[in-house]
Protein backbone atom coordinates (compact mmCIF):
# COMPACT_ATOMS: atom_id res chain seq x y z
CA MET A 1 -7.57 9.96 -6.84
CA PHE A 2 -6.68 13.06 -5.43
CA THR A 3 -5.43 16.14 -6.98
CA LEU A 4 -3.90 19.13 -5.25
CA LYS A 5 -5.33 22.40 -6.85
CA ARG A 6 -4.35 25.31 -4.57
CA ARG A 7 -2.25 25.82 -1.37
CA ALA A 8 -1.82 28.83 0.71
CA VAL A 9 -0.53 29.15 4.27
CA ASP A 10 -3.84 28.39 5.79
CA TYR A 11 -6.21 27.15 2.92
CA ALA A 12 -5.95 24.38 0.32
CA GLU A 13 -8.26 22.92 -2.33
CA PHE A 14 -7.81 19.47 -3.73
CA THR A 15 -10.09 17.19 -6.13
CA PHE A 16 -11.16 13.92 -5.18
CA ASN A 17 -11.71 11.96 -8.58
CA GLY A 18 -13.47 8.85 -6.72
CA TRP A 19 -11.89 5.91 -4.96
CA HIS A 20 -11.68 2.89 -7.40
CA SER A 21 -10.20 3.03 -10.86
CA GLU A 22 -13.70 2.32 -12.33
CA ALA A 23 -14.88 5.54 -11.06
CA ARG A 24 -16.14 7.85 -13.77
CA ARG A 25 -13.53 10.47 -15.06
CA ASN A 26 -15.87 13.20 -15.39
CA TRP A 27 -17.03 13.15 -11.79
CA ALA A 28 -14.96 15.04 -9.37
CA GLN A 29 -15.39 16.43 -5.88
CA GLU A 30 -13.60 19.61 -4.88
CA ILE A 31 -12.71 19.77 -1.33
CA THR A 32 -11.68 22.98 0.67
CA VAL A 33 -9.50 22.44 3.63
CA ARG A 34 -8.66 25.22 6.28
CA LYS A 35 -5.70 24.97 8.42
CA GLY A 36 -7.57 25.33 11.68
CA ASN A 37 -5.77 23.67 14.74
CA HIS A 38 -3.53 21.63 12.60
CA PRO A 39 0.23 22.70 12.79
CA THR A 40 0.45 22.95 8.94
CA ILE A 41 -2.01 23.34 6.00
CA GLU A 42 -0.18 20.11 4.61
CA LEU A 43 -1.10 18.13 7.60
CA ALA A 44 -4.63 19.39 7.62
CA VAL A 45 -4.98 18.17 3.80
CA VAL A 46 -3.30 14.97 4.36
CA ARG A 47 -5.87 14.25 7.40
CA GLU A 48 -8.75 15.25 5.24
CA MET A 49 -7.75 12.74 2.77
CA ILE A 50 -7.31 10.07 5.10
CA GLU A 51 -10.99 10.80 6.30
CA ILE A 52 -12.13 10.18 2.61
CA ILE A 53 -9.87 6.98 2.34
CA ARG A 54 -11.49 5.76 5.49
CA LYS A 55 -15.05 5.97 4.01
CA TYR A 56 -14.05 3.44 1.36
CA GLU A 57 -11.31 1.28 3.33
CA GLN A 58 -11.06 -0.07 6.80
CA GLY A 59 -7.92 -2.20 6.44
CA ASP A 60 -5.08 -2.59 3.68
CA PHE A 61 -5.49 -1.01 0.39
CA PRO A 62 -3.41 -0.78 -2.78
CA TRP A 63 -2.20 2.77 -3.73
CA TYR A 64 -0.48 3.73 -6.72
CA SER A 65 2.28 5.89 -6.11
CA TYR A 66 3.58 8.25 -8.89
CA ARG A 67 6.37 9.30 -6.58
CA LEU A 68 7.72 5.59 -6.24
CA ARG A 69 6.24 4.61 -9.74
CA ARG A 70 4.62 1.47 -8.36
CA THR A 71 1.60 -0.02 -6.45
CA VAL A 72 2.09 -0.02 -2.51
CA THR A 73 0.06 -1.67 0.22
CA ARG A 74 -0.86 1.00 2.70
CA SER A 75 -3.28 0.74 6.01
CA ALA A 76 -6.33 2.72 6.76
CA ARG A 77 -6.41 1.26 10.33
CA LEU A 78 -6.72 3.85 13.15
CA ARG A 79 -3.66 2.21 14.75
CA ASP A 80 -1.59 3.00 11.59
CA SER A 81 -2.55 6.92 11.13
CA ALA A 82 0.77 8.21 11.70
CA GLU A 83 2.43 5.83 9.18
CA LEU A 84 -0.46 6.86 6.61
CA GLU A 85 0.18 10.56 7.47
CA GLU A 86 3.81 10.14 6.89
CA PHE A 87 3.38 8.47 3.46
CA LEU A 88 0.66 10.84 2.08
CA MET A 89 2.96 13.84 3.36
CA GLN A 90 5.75 12.38 1.19
CA GLU A 91 3.33 11.75 -1.73
CA PHE A 92 2.03 15.12 -2.10
CA PHE A 93 4.19 17.53 -0.42
CA TYR A 94 7.87 16.05 -0.77
CA ASN A 95 10.08 17.87 -3.32
CA PRO A 96 13.31 15.83 -4.15
CA ARG A 97 15.27 18.99 -5.03
CA VAL A 98 14.85 20.33 -1.53
CA ALA A 99 16.87 18.72 1.14
CA PRO A 100 14.14 17.17 3.72
C-alpha cells in the first residue's frame, strides 16, 4: 500500500499503491512530505499516510503488517489518531536491531 522511497531530515517521499488489493499494480502515486511544523520527518510521513487512509476508511480497517506477519485491525477514527500514529511509526520506522 505504502512504500517509503527516500527520507532525509526534513524531506521524504513515499509511494501510495492504492488502498484495496484489487488496485492495479501499475498505478502508483508519489507523495512528497516536508517536515514543516512536525517534530520529526517520520511523524510528518505517518500523518500524511493517515490522511490518505482516512480518504478510504472512517472506522476499523484491516492492515497487513509485514513487521508482525499478519493482518491486524486498526481504526481510522479521529479519537484513535494517537494509536494509529504509533502503530504506523512502528511499521515504517522501527528497527529491531536498535533499542527503542
